[in-house]
PDB file of N, CA and C in Angstrom:
ATOM      1  N   MET A   1      -8.309   5.627  -6.299  1.00  0.00           N
ATOM      2  CA  MET A   1      -7.303   4.678  -5.953  1.00  0.00           C
ATOM      3  C   MET A   1      -7.112   4.451  -4.494  1.00  0.00           C
ATOM      4  N   ILE A   2      -6.920   3.269  -4.125  1.00  0.00           N
ATOM      5  CA  ILE A   2      -6.687   2.842  -2.676  1.00  0.00           C
ATOM      6  C   ILE A   2      -5.349   2.277  -2.602  1.00  0.00           C
ATOM      7  N   VAL A   3      -4.572   2.560  -1.629  1.00  0.00           N
ATOM      8  CA  VAL A   3      -3.372   1.933  -1.389  1.00  0.00           C
ATOM      9  C   VAL A   3      -3.677   1.175   0.075  1.00  0.00           C
ATOM     10  N   HIS A   4      -3.765  -0.201  -0.300  1.00  0.00           N
ATOM     11  CA  HIS A   4      -4.006  -0.968   0.781  1.00  0.00           C
ATOM     12  C   HIS A   4      -2.914  -1.694   1.551  1.00  0.00           C
ATOM     13  N   HIS A   5      -2.741  -1.711   2.689  1.00  0.00           N
ATOM     14  CA  HIS A   5      -1.645  -2.328   3.414  1.00  0.00           C
ATOM     15  C   HIS A   5      -1.989  -3.097   4.556  1.00  0.00           C
ATOM     16  N   GLY A   6      -3.372  -3.485   4.540  1.00  0.00           N
ATOM     17  CA  GLY A   6      -3.966  -4.358   5.687  1.00  0.00           C
ATOM     18  C   GLY A   6      -3.144  -5.871   5.508  1.00  0.00           C
ATOM     19  N   GLU A   7      -3.478  -6.447   6.755  1.00  0.00           N
ATOM     20  CA  GLU A   7      -2.558  -7.639   6.928  1.00  0.00           C
ATOM     21  C   GLU A   7      -2.768  -8.810   5.998  1.00  0.00           C
ATOM     22  N   HIS A   8      -4.006  -8.826   5.709  1.00  0.00           N
ATOM     23  CA  HIS A   8      -4.651  -9.920   4.838  1.00  0.00           C
ATOM     24  C   HIS A   8      -4.902  -9.799   3.356  1.00  0.00           C
ATOM     25  N   GLY A   9      -4.646  -8.594   2.880  1.00  0.00           N
ATOM     26  CA  GLY A   9      -5.110  -8.167   1.567  1.00  0.00           C
ATOM     27  C   GLY A   9      -6.492  -7.709   1.631  1.00  0.00           C
ATOM     28  N   TRP A  10      -6.771  -6.933   0.439  1.00  0.00           N
ATOM     29  CA  TRP A  10      -7.929  -6.484   0.032  1.00  0.00           C
ATOM     30  C   TRP A  10      -8.987  -7.609  -0.090  1.00  0.00           C
ATOM     31  N   ASN A  11     -10.248  -7.582   0.574  1.00  0.00           N
ATOM     32  CA  ASN A  11     -11.171  -8.536   0.163  1.00  0.00           C
ATOM     33  C   ASN A  11     -12.561  -7.815   0.105  1.00  0.00           C
ATOM     34  N   ALA A  12     -12.613  -6.583   0.087  1.00  0.00           N
ATOM     35  CA  ALA A  12     -14.110  -5.860  -0.199  1.00  0.00           C
ATOM     36  C   ALA A  12     -14.203  -5.793  -1.686  1.00  0.00           C
ATOM     37  N   PRO A  13     -15.438  -5.320  -2.026  1.00  0.00           N
ATOM     38  CA  PRO A  13     -15.761  -5.017  -3.437  1.00  0.00           C
ATOM     39  C   PRO A  13     -14.956  -3.924  -3.918  1.00  0.00           C
ATOM     40  N   THR A  14     -14.610  -4.010  -5.288  1.00  0.00           N
ATOM     41  CA  THR A  14     -14.026  -2.932  -6.092  1.00  0.00           C
ATOM     42  C   THR A  14     -14.813  -2.056  -6.832  1.00  0.00           C
ATOM     43  N   ARG A  15     -16.126  -2.188  -6.728  1.00  0.00           N
ATOM     44  CA  ARG A  15     -17.125  -1.219  -7.483  1.00  0.00           C
ATOM     45  C   ARG A  15     -17.759  -0.412  -6.366  1.00  0.00           C
ATOM     46  N   LEU A  16     -17.733   0.849  -6.515  1.00  0.00           N
ATOM     47  CA  LEU A  16     -18.295   1.884  -5.665  1.00  0.00           C
ATOM     48  C   LEU A  16     -19.676   1.394  -5.305  1.00  0.00           C
ATOM     49  N   ARG A  17     -20.574   1.171  -6.267  1.00  0.00           N
ATOM     50  CA  ARG A  17     -21.979   0.762  -5.854  1.00  0.00           C
ATOM     51  C   ARG A  17     -22.151  -0.451  -4.978  1.00  0.00           C
ATOM     52  N   GLU A  18     -21.257  -1.262  -5.101  1.00  0.00           N
ATOM     53  CA  GLU A  18     -21.066  -2.444  -4.362  1.00  0.00           C
ATOM     54  C   GLU A  18     -20.806  -2.059  -2.600  1.00  0.00           C
ATOM     55  N   LEU A  19     -19.955  -0.983  -2.528  1.00  0.00           N
ATOM     56  CA  LEU A  19     -19.785  -0.396  -1.178  1.00  0.00           C
ATOM     57  C   LEU A  19     -20.920   0.264  -0.551  1.00  0.00           C
ATOM     58  N   VAL A  20     -21.800   0.784  -1.201  1.00  0.00           N
ATOM     59  CA  VAL A  20     -22.839   1.766  -0.607  1.00  0.00           C
ATOM     60  C   VAL A  20     -23.869   0.728   0.012  1.00  0.00           C
ATOM     61  N   GLU A  21     -23.949   0.756   1.264  1.00  0.00           N
ATOM     62  CA  GLU A  21     -24.900  -0.198   2.061  1.00  0.00           C
ATOM     63  C   GLU A  21     -26.314   0.458   1.758  1.00  0.00           C
ATOM     64  N   GLY A  22     -27.282  -0.411   1.427  1.00  0.00           N
ATOM     65  CA  GLY A  22     -28.713   0.042   1.408  1.00  0.00           C
ATOM     66  C   GLY A  22     -29.226   0.437   0.092  1.00  0.00           C
ATOM     67  N   ILE A  23     -28.367   0.419  -0.807  1.00  0.00           N
ATOM     68  CA  ILE A  23     -28.656   1.047  -2.280  1.00  0.00           C
ATOM     69  C   ILE A  23     -29.823   0.328  -2.804  1.00  0.00           C
ATOM     70  N   ASN A  24     -29.891  -1.104  -2.565  1.00  0.00           N
ATOM     71  CA  ASN A  24     -31.016  -1.837  -3.197  1.00  0.00           C
ATOM     72  C   ASN A  24     -32.315  -1.595  -2.405  1.00  0.00           C
ATOM     73  N   ARG A  25     -32.289  -1.093  -1.226  1.00  0.00           N
ATOM     74  CA  ARG A  25     -33.496  -0.804  -0.530  1.00  0.00           C
ATOM     75  C   ARG A  25     -34.153   0.557  -0.985  1.00  0.00           C
ATOM     76  N   VAL A  26     -33.424   1.402  -1.649  1.00  0.00           N
ATOM     77  CA  VAL A  26     -34.010   2.698  -2.099  1.00  0.00           C
ATOM     78  C   VAL A  26     -33.468   2.721  -3.499  1.00  0.00           C
ATOM     79  N   PRO A  27     -34.326   2.036  -4.332  1.00  0.00           N
ATOM     80  CA  PRO A  27     -33.951   2.176  -5.802  1.00  0.00           C
ATOM     81  C   PRO A  27     -33.992   3.510  -6.451  1.00  0.00           C
ATOM     82  N   GLU A  28     -34.749   4.491  -5.748  1.00  0.00           N
ATOM     83  CA  GLU A  28     -34.794   5.807  -6.436  1.00  0.00           C
ATOM     84  C   GLU A  28     -33.352   6.357  -6.239  1.00  0.00           C
ATOM     85  N   LEU A  29     -32.773   6.164  -5.458  1.00  0.00           N
ATOM     86  CA  LEU A  29     -31.350   6.779  -5.034  1.00  0.00           C
ATOM     87  C   LEU A  29     -30.250   6.120  -6.176  1.00  0.00           C
ATOM     88  N   SER A  30     -30.582   4.947  -6.653  1.00  0.00           N
ATOM     89  CA  SER A  30     -29.701   4.207  -7.232  1.00  0.00           C
ATOM     90  C   SER A  30     -28.939   4.894  -8.216  1.00  0.00           C
ATOM     91  N   SER A  31     -29.649   5.706  -9.141  1.00  0.00           N
ATOM     92  CA  SER A  31     -29.176   6.471 -10.277  1.00  0.00           C
ATOM     93  C   SER A  31     -28.103   7.671  -9.878  1.00  0.00           C
ATOM     94  N   LEU A  32     -28.182   8.043  -8.505  1.00  0.00           N
ATOM     95  CA  LEU A  32     -27.329   9.002  -8.005  1.00  0.00           C
ATOM     96  C   LEU A  32     -25.981   8.627  -7.542  1.00  0.00           C
ATOM     97  N   VAL A  33     -25.784   7.149  -7.325  1.00  0.00           N
ATOM     98  CA  VAL A  33     -24.626   6.564  -6.851  1.00  0.00           C
ATOM     99  C   VAL A  33     -23.740   6.283  -8.192  1.00  0.00           C
ATOM    100  N   PRO A  34     -22.562   6.786  -8.174  1.00  0.00           N
ATOM    101  CA  PRO A  34     -21.717   6.598  -9.363  1.00  0.00           C
ATOM    102  C   PRO A  34     -21.234   5.045  -9.168  1.00  0.00           C
ATOM    103  N   ASP A  35     -21.079   4.531 -10.541  1.00  0.00           N
ATOM    104  CA  ASP A  35     -20.549   3.125 -10.517  1.00  0.00           C
ATOM    105  C   ASP A  35     -19.316   2.908 -11.219  1.00  0.00           C
ATOM    106  N   PHE A  36     -18.320   2.891 -10.563  1.00  0.00           N
ATOM    107  CA  PHE A  36     -16.909   2.911 -11.042  1.00  0.00           C
ATOM    108  C   PHE A  36     -16.205   1.832 -10.272  1.00  0.00           C
ATOM    109  N   GLU A  37     -15.121   1.359 -10.986  1.00  0.00           N
ATOM    110  CA  GLU A  37     -14.257   0.499 -10.533  1.00  0.00           C
ATOM    111  C   GLU A  37     -13.285   1.160  -9.537  1.00  0.00           C
ATOM    112  N   ILE A  38     -12.850   0.697  -8.517  1.00  0.00           N
ATOM    113  CA  ILE A  38     -11.977   1.420  -7.535  1.00  0.00           C
ATOM    114  C   ILE A  38     -10.518   0.494  -7.880  1.00  0.00           C
ATOM    115  N   ILE A  39      -9.594   1.306  -8.172  1.00  0.00           N
ATOM    116  CA  ILE A  39      -8.269   0.750  -8.371  1.00  0.00           C
ATOM    117  C   ILE A  39      -7.796   0.512  -6.993  1.00  0.00           C
ATOM    118  N   VAL A  40      -7.158  -0.796  -6.686  1.00  0.00           N
ATOM    119  CA  VAL A  40      -6.663  -1.182  -5.408  1.00  0.00           C
ATOM    120  C   VAL A  40      -5.362  -1.491  -5.574  1.00  0.00           C
ATOM    121  N   ASP A  41      -4.352  -0.806  -4.951  1.00  0.00           N
ATOM    122  CA  ASP A  41      -3.021  -1.199  -4.926  1.00  0.00           C
ATOM    123  C   ASP A  41      -2.671  -2.036  -3.705  1.00  0.00           C
ATOM    124  N   ASP A  42      -2.843  -3.282  -3.797  1.00  0.00           N
ATOM    125  CA  ASP A  42      -2.864  -4.174  -2.582  1.00  0.00           C
ATOM    126  C   ASP A  42      -1.370  -4.442  -2.251  1.00  0.00           C
ATOM    127  N   LEU A  43      -0.748  -3.879  -1.273  1.00  0.00           N
ATOM    128  CA  LEU A  43       0.601  -3.909  -1.173  1.00  0.00           C
ATOM    129  C   LEU A  43       1.082  -5.443  -0.543  1.00  0.00           C
ATOM    130  N   VAL A  44       0.130  -5.871   0.137  1.00  0.00           N
ATOM    131  CA  VAL A  44       0.416  -7.414   0.760  1.00  0.00           C
ATOM    132  C   VAL A  44       0.588  -8.274  -0.428  1.00  0.00           C
ATOM    133  N   LYS A  45       0.175  -8.181  -1.515  1.00  0.00           N
ATOM    134  CA  LYS A  45       0.305  -9.197  -2.692  1.00  0.00           C
ATOM    135  C   LYS A  45       1.593  -8.829  -3.606  1.00  0.00           C
ATOM    136  N   GLN A  46       2.221  -7.824  -3.167  1.00  0.00           N
ATOM    137  CA  GLN A  46       3.317  -7.372  -3.979  1.00  0.00           C
ATOM    138  C   GLN A  46       4.682  -7.811  -3.477  1.00  0.00           C
ATOM    139  N   PRO A  47       5.405  -8.588  -4.142  1.00  0.00           N
ATOM    140  CA  PRO A  47       6.680  -9.080  -3.819  1.00  0.00           C
ATOM    141  C   PRO A  47       7.725  -7.880  -3.618  1.00  0.00           C
ATOM    142  N   ASP A  48       8.868  -8.101  -3.118  1.00  0.00           N
ATOM    143  CA  ASP A  48       9.721  -7.100  -2.969  1.00  0.00           C
ATOM    144  C   ASP A  48      10.324  -6.488  -4.202  1.00  0.00           C
ATOM    145  N   GLU A  49      10.586  -7.398  -5.231  1.00  0.00           N
ATOM    146  CA  GLU A  49      11.126  -7.045  -6.495  1.00  0.00           C
ATOM    147  C   GLU A  49      10.092  -6.257  -7.332  1.00  0.00           C
ATOM    148  N   GLU A  50       8.786  -6.460  -7.135  1.00  0.00           N
ATOM    149  CA  GLU A  50       7.706  -5.641  -7.779  1.00  0.00           C
ATOM    150  C   GLU A  50       7.761  -4.334  -7.237  1.00  0.00           C
ATOM    151  N   LEU A  51       7.864  -4.002  -5.836  1.00  0.00           N
ATOM    152  CA  LEU A  51       7.926  -2.732  -5.226  1.00  0.00           C
ATOM    153  C   LEU A  51       9.099  -2.011  -5.750  1.00  0.00           C
ATOM    154  N   LYS A  52      10.269  -2.724  -5.759  1.00  0.00           N
ATOM    155  CA  LYS A  52      11.569  -2.022  -6.391  1.00  0.00           C
ATOM    156  C   LYS A  52      11.364  -1.523  -7.625  1.00  0.00           C
ATOM    157  N   ARG A  53      10.801  -2.284  -8.517  1.00  0.00           N
ATOM    158  CA  ARG A  53      10.640  -1.886  -9.949  1.00  0.00           C
ATOM    159  C   ARG A  53       9.566  -0.678 -10.249  1.00  0.00           C
ATOM    160  N   ARG A  54       8.917  -0.452  -9.303  1.00  0.00           N
ATOM    161  CA  ARG A  54       8.106   0.780  -9.467  1.00  0.00           C
ATOM    162  C   ARG A  54       8.724   2.064  -9.884  1.00  0.00           C
ATOM    163  N   PRO A  55       8.187   2.965 -10.714  1.00  0.00           N
ATOM    164  CA  PRO A  55       9.019   4.156 -11.215  1.00  0.00           C
ATOM    165  C   PRO A  55       8.679   5.180 -10.182  1.00  0.00           C
ATOM    166  N   LEU A  56       9.308   5.125  -9.044  1.00  0.00           N
ATOM    167  CA  LEU A  56       9.061   6.103  -7.920  1.00  0.00           C
ATOM    168  C   LEU A  56      10.531   6.330  -7.492  1.00  0.00           C
ATOM    169  N   PRO A  57      10.581   7.578  -6.789  1.00  0.00           N
ATOM    170  CA  PRO A  57      11.863   7.788  -5.999  1.00  0.00           C
ATOM    171  C   PRO A  57      12.001   6.810  -4.947  1.00  0.00           C
ATOM    172  N   LEU A  58      13.227   6.703  -4.513  1.00  0.00           N
ATOM    173  CA  LEU A  58      13.639   5.677  -3.577  1.00  0.00           C
ATOM    174  C   LEU A  58      12.954   5.787  -2.234  1.00  0.00           C
ATOM    175  N   PHE A  59      12.653   7.009  -1.612  1.00  0.00           N
ATOM    176  CA  PHE A  59      11.924   7.006  -0.337  1.00  0.00           C
ATOM    177  C   PHE A  59      10.635   6.633  -0.410  1.00  0.00           C
ATOM    178  N   PRO A  60       9.851   6.988  -1.385  1.00  0.00           N
ATOM    179  CA  PRO A  60       8.500   6.389  -1.665  1.00  0.00           C
ATOM    180  C   PRO A  60       8.486   4.967  -1.576  1.00  0.00           C
ATOM    181  N   LYS A  61       9.299   4.333  -2.302  1.00  0.00           N
ATOM    182  CA  LYS A  61       9.526   2.927  -2.492  1.00  0.00           C
ATOM    183  C   LYS A  61       9.654   2.248  -1.081  1.00  0.00           C
ATOM    184  N   ILE A  62      10.472   2.665  -0.373  1.00  0.00           N
ATOM    185  CA  ILE A  62      10.703   2.194   1.029  1.00  0.00           C
ATOM    186  C   ILE A  62       9.572   2.600   1.859  1.00  0.00           C
ATOM    187  N   VAL A  63       8.851   3.606   1.754  1.00  0.00           N
ATOM    188  CA  VAL A  63       7.534   3.797   2.595  1.00  0.00           C
ATOM    189  C   VAL A  63       6.664   2.737   2.199  1.00  0.00           C
ATOM    190  N   LEU A  64       6.435   2.458   1.085  1.00  0.00           N
ATOM    191  CA  LEU A  64       5.453   1.362   0.456  1.00  0.00           C
ATOM    192  C   LEU A  64       6.025  -0.022   1.167  1.00  0.00           C
ATOM    193  N   TRP A  65       7.408  -0.354   1.106  1.00  0.00           N
ATOM    194  CA  TRP A  65       7.642  -1.499   1.685  1.00  0.00           C
ATOM    195  C   TRP A  65       7.372  -1.651   3.376  1.00  0.00           C
ATOM    196  N   LEU A  66       7.687  -0.459   3.773  1.00  0.00           N
ATOM    197  CA  LEU A  66       7.304  -0.241   5.436  1.00  0.00           C
ATOM    198  C   LEU A  66       5.794  -0.390   5.540  1.00  0.00           C
ATOM    199  N   LEU A  67       4.906   0.198   4.798  1.00  0.00           N
ATOM    200  CA  LEU A  67       3.555  -0.008   4.959  1.00  0.00           C
ATOM    201  C   LEU A  67       3.194  -1.490   4.850  1.00  0.00           C
ATOM    202  N   ARG A  68       3.750  -2.193   3.985  1.00  0.00           N
ATOM    203  CA  ARG A  68       3.452  -3.585   3.875  1.00  0.00           C
ATOM    204  C   ARG A  68       3.905  -4.285   4.990  1.00  0.00           C
ATOM    205  N   ASP A  69       5.211  -4.036   5.399  1.00  0.00           N
ATOM    206  CA  ASP A  69       5.865  -5.212   6.329  1.00  0.00           C
ATOM    207  C   ASP A  69       5.986  -4.707   7.734  1.00  0.00           C
ATOM    208  N   ALA A  70       6.047  -3.490   8.047  1.00  0.00           N
ATOM    209  CA  ALA A  70       6.236  -3.036   9.498  1.00  0.00           C
ATOM    210  C   ALA A  70       5.133  -3.361  10.418  1.00  0.00           C
ATOM    211  N   ARG A  71       4.013  -3.853   9.953  1.00  0.00           N
ATOM    212  CA  ARG A  71       3.006  -4.179  10.948  1.00  0.00           C
ATOM    213  C   ARG A  71       3.472  -5.132  11.967  1.00  0.00           C
ATOM    214  N   THR A  72       4.233  -6.194  11.633  1.00  0.00           N
ATOM    215  CA  THR A  72       4.718  -7.125  12.514  1.00  0.00           C
ATOM    216  C   THR A  72       6.217  -7.265  12.331  1.00  0.00           C
ATOM    217  N   ILE A  73       6.981  -7.246  13.490  1.00  0.00           N
ATOM    218  CA  ILE A  73       8.324  -7.297  13.467  1.00  0.00           C
ATOM    219  C   ILE A  73       8.987  -8.500  12.751  1.00  0.00           C
ATOM    220  N   GLN A  74       8.244  -9.607  12.845  1.00  0.00           N
ATOM    221  CA  GLN A  74       8.721 -10.922  12.069  1.00  0.00           C
ATOM    222  C   GLN A  74       8.881 -10.505  10.509  1.00  0.00           C
ATOM    223  N   ARG A  75       7.631  -9.944  10.032  1.00  0.00           N
ATOM    224  CA  ARG A  75       7.637  -9.772   8.591  1.00  0.00           C
ATOM    225  C   ARG A  75       8.530  -8.707   8.271  1.00  0.00           C
ATOM    226  N   PHE A  76       8.835  -7.717   9.025  1.00  0.00           N
ATOM    227  CA  PHE A  76       9.862  -6.619   8.993  1.00  0.00           C
ATOM    228  C   PHE A  76      11.134  -7.292   8.698  1.00  0.00           C
ATOM    229  N   TYR A  77      11.432  -8.102   9.607  1.00  0.00           N
ATOM    230  CA  TYR A  77      12.836  -8.899   9.608  1.00  0.00           C
ATOM    231  C   TYR A  77      13.117  -9.649   8.540  1.00  0.00           C
ATOM    232  N   GLU A  78      12.043 -10.504   8.110  1.00  0.00           N
ATOM    233  CA  GLU A  78      12.182 -11.351   6.854  1.00  0.00           C
ATOM    234  C   GLU A  78      12.575 -10.548   5.686  1.00  0.00           C
ATOM    235  N   HIS A  79      12.081  -9.384   5.478  1.00  0.00           N
ATOM    236  CA  HIS A  79      12.323  -8.720   4.257  1.00  0.00           C
ATOM    237  C   HIS A  79      13.390  -7.540   4.459  1.00  0.00           C
ATOM    238  N   LEU A  80      14.041  -7.351   5.512  1.00  0.00           N
ATOM    239  CA  LEU A  80      14.880  -6.416   5.797  1.00  0.00           C
ATOM    240  C   LEU A  80      16.225  -6.581   4.888  1.00  0.00           C
ATOM    241  N   LEU A  81      16.637  -7.808   4.706  1.00  0.00           N
ATOM    242  CA  LEU A  81      17.753  -8.089   4.006  1.00  0.00           C
ATOM    243  C   LEU A  81      17.578  -7.720   2.451  1.00  0.00           C
ATOM    244  N   ALA A  82      16.534  -7.957   2.028  1.00  0.00           N
ATOM    245  CA  ALA A  82      16.084  -7.642   0.731  1.00  0.00           C
ATOM    246  C   ALA A  82      16.024  -6.188   0.374  1.00  0.00           C
ATOM    247  N   TRP A  83      15.830  -5.409   1.413  1.00  0.00           N
ATOM    248  CA  TRP A  83      15.752  -3.851   1.377  1.00  0.00           C
ATOM    249  C   TRP A  83      17.058  -3.350   1.801  1.00  0.00           C
ATOM    250  N   SER A  84      18.089  -4.053   2.244  1.00  0.00           N
ATOM    251  CA  SER A  84      19.186  -3.311   2.912  1.00  0.00           C
ATOM    252  C   SER A  84      19.901  -2.480   1.918  1.00  0.00           C
ATOM    253  N   GLU A  85      20.090  -2.928   0.632  1.00  0.00           N
ATOM    254  CA  GLU A  85      20.833  -1.824  -0.453  1.00  0.00           C
ATOM    255  C   GLU A  85      20.116  -0.622  -0.343  1.00  0.00           C
ATOM    256  N   GLU A  86      18.856  -0.607  -0.653  1.00  0.00           N
ATOM    257  CA  GLU A  86      18.043   0.510  -0.683  1.00  0.00           C
ATOM    258  C   GLU A  86      18.065   1.513   0.468  1.00  0.00           C
ATOM    259  N   LEU A  87      18.086   0.788   1.768  1.00  0.00           N
ATOM    260  CA  LEU A  87      18.231   1.567   2.930  1.00  0.00           C
ATOM    261  C   LEU A  87      19.663   2.174   3.109  1.00  0.00           C
ATOM    262  N   SER A  88      20.589   1.643   2.756  1.00  0.00           N
ATOM    263  CA  SER A  88      21.994   2.201   2.715  1.00  0.00           C
ATOM    264  C   SER A  88      22.026   3.247   1.657  1.00  0.00           C
ATOM    265  N   ARG A  89      21.413   3.029   0.590  1.00  0.00           N
ATOM    266  CA  ARG A  89      21.495   4.102  -0.475  1.00  0.00           C
ATOM    267  C   ARG A  89      20.806   5.398   0.036  1.00  0.00           C
ATOM    268  N   LEU A  90      19.513   5.239   0.787  1.00  0.00           N
ATOM    269  CA  LEU A  90      18.858   6.211   1.252  1.00  0.00           C
ATOM    270  C   LEU A  90      19.564   7.050   2.389  1.00  0.00           C
ATOM    271  N   SER A  91      20.340   6.387   3.059  1.00  0.00           N
ATOM    272  CA  SER A  91      21.168   6.915   4.252  1.00  0.00           C
ATOM    273  C   SER A  91      22.288   7.767   3.709  1.00  0.00           C
ATOM    274  N   ARG A  92      22.859   7.452   2.675  1.00  0.00           N
ATOM    275  CA  ARG A  92      23.918   8.094   1.897  1.00  0.00           C
ATOM    276  C   ARG A  92      23.216   9.381   1.268  1.00  0.00           C
ATOM    277  N   GLU A  93      22.212   9.224   0.446  1.00  0.00           N
ATOM    278  CA  GLU A  93      21.738  10.141  -0.425  1.00  0.00           C
ATOM    279  C   GLU A  93      20.915  11.056   0.267  1.00  0.00           C
ATOM    280  N   SER A  94      20.085  10.823   1.279  1.00  0.00           N
ATOM    281  CA  SER A  94      19.077  11.633   1.946  1.00  0.00           C
ATOM    282  C   SER A  94      19.055  11.127   3.505  1.00  0.00           C
ATOM    283  N   PRO A  95      19.929  11.555   4.270  1.00  0.00           N
ATOM    284  CA  PRO A  95      20.021  11.417   5.650  1.00  0.00           C
ATOM    285  C   PRO A  95      18.653  11.742   6.334  1.00  0.00           C
ATOM    286  N   GLU A  96      18.144  12.841   5.860  1.00  0.00           N
ATOM    287  CA  GLU A  96      16.826  13.326   6.532  1.00  0.00           C
ATOM    288  C   GLU A  96      15.708  12.153   6.428  1.00  0.00           C
ATOM    289  N   ASP A  97      15.590  11.657   5.010  1.00  0.00           N
ATOM    290  CA  ASP A  97      14.582  10.803   4.871  1.00  0.00           C
ATOM    291  C   ASP A  97      14.817   9.343   5.449  1.00  0.00           C
ATOM    292  N   ALA A  98      16.146   9.049   5.584  1.00  0.00           N
ATOM    293  CA  ALA A  98      16.445   7.803   6.346  1.00  0.00           C
ATOM    294  C   ALA A  98      16.142   8.075   7.904  1.00  0.00           C
ATOM    295  N   ALA A  99      16.473   9.155   8.354  1.00  0.00           N
ATOM    296  CA  ALA A  99      15.936   9.338   9.861  1.00  0.00           C
ATOM    297  C   ALA A  99      14.453   9.224   9.962  1.00  0.00           C
ATOM    298  N   THR A 100      13.746   9.612   9.068  1.00  0.00           N
ATOM    299  CA  THR A 100      12.211   9.515   9.088  1.00  0.00           C
ATOM    300  C   THR A 100      11.844   8.072   8.985  1.00  0.00           C
ATOM    301  N   VAL A 101      12.602   7.243   8.201  1.00  0.00           N
ATOM    302  CA  VAL A 101      12.279   5.813   8.117  1.00  0.00           C
ATOM    303  C   VAL A 101      12.827   5.128   9.646  1.00  0.00           C
ATOM    304  N   MET A 102      13.897   5.568  10.068  1.00  0.00           N
ATOM    305  CA  MET A 102      14.302   4.962  11.313  1.00  0.00           C
ATOM    306  C   MET A 102      13.464   5.336  12.489  1.00  0.00           C
ATOM    307  N   ASN A 103      12.904   6.492  12.581  1.00  0.00           N
ATOM    308  CA  ASN A 103      11.951   6.884  13.632  1.00  0.00           C
ATOM    309  C   ASN A 103      10.505   6.339  13.467  1.00  0.00           C
ATOM    310  N   SER A 104      10.135   5.727  12.446  1.00  0.00           N
ATOM    311  CA  SER A 104       8.768   5.284  12.068  1.00  0.00           C
ATOM    312  C   SER A 104       8.594   4.144  12.889  1.00  0.00           C
TER     313      SER A 104
END
């Protein structure tokens, strides 16, 4: 599984075999390369409410939000209000985790 937080979303193949360069040039090795689908959690495509609904503790949810939005200050500010309740709760319930978030 890949948790992707790139700026423009995941656009690479999701099958392992498609990610191995040159496999078609050496057909003898083809049977040695596993072929499975990679699960991609593309955070860029997840709206705030979807991240909030995940069955995770509060701190990991906030970390996912920061991975998604803290790349640019504008995007961070655009979503800050949506996460204000969660940030406030984190600061009350776990000041150490809140400090980690604020220092990131």
